[in-house]
Amino acid sequence: MSNQLTWYGHATLGLQTNGYKLLIDPFFEGNPSAPLSADNAEADFILISHGHGDHVGDAVAIARRTGATVISNFEIASWVEKQGIKVHPQHIGGGFKHPFGYLKLTLALHGSALPDGSYGGNPCGFLLTTNDGKKIYAAQDTGLFGDMKLIGEEGLDVAVIPIGDNFTMGPDDALRAVYLLQPKVVVPIHYSTWDLIAQDPHAWAQRVEQETNIKVVVLSPGESLEF
């Protein structure tokens, strides 16, 4: 069984696994690097890591059009549900066996205010074990934290981590995160959307591969990785 991870720029990810289509932090409208519009995005499930507008993005509109279920922390799920969307609330450290696999919400060091200023609960990352046993960790927006070592002990096939700096880990801390996570493959995200978070992902990939035995896959927006 093949799993396909697609990067749509910024921190927006698509994941196809076991016949299901997932979107993570679906920020298309207003995302200068997005290769498609929200009107063309398809999803069975939508995962939201935290409440900021560039991560909640177009989740409600896409869910309303597609009938997708939104998965997020309790506070964001409640906010989305009030807009007539089907939701599944979880919280950090809690896991649930969804049709597409076992999903656990992980710690993330960030903020989470929702676009209207209301409380968005705690930010999170996602640790997914697919139905064929592959493990993918999408850190989303976070700073470096030591418990990444515990996440790495799960035995990660793919880790998706930010490298943009300013709002998240920068290249130096992202390299330290790779040491803690020890994935087979790492994919950098959340960089160069705007000048404030401009980074050279290929230079970072070279550093990682020179200092570790871990493969880095640098995706252009719209490109995919199969694992």
Foldseek 3Di string as FASTA:
>chain_A
DKKKWAFQAAQWIWIAAPNFIEIFQDAAVVQPQGPDHLVPDEGQEYEAQAADCSRCHCVLVRCVVHVHEYEYAPQVQVVSVVVVHHYDHDDAPDWDQDVFFIKHWHAFAAAHQHPVRDHTPGGTWIWGQGPVGAIETEGRAHEADQCLLVQLVSAHQEYEEEAQPPRGHHLVRVLVSCVSNVHQEYEYHNADSDPSRHDDVVVSQVVNVVVDVHHYDYDRRGDMDMD
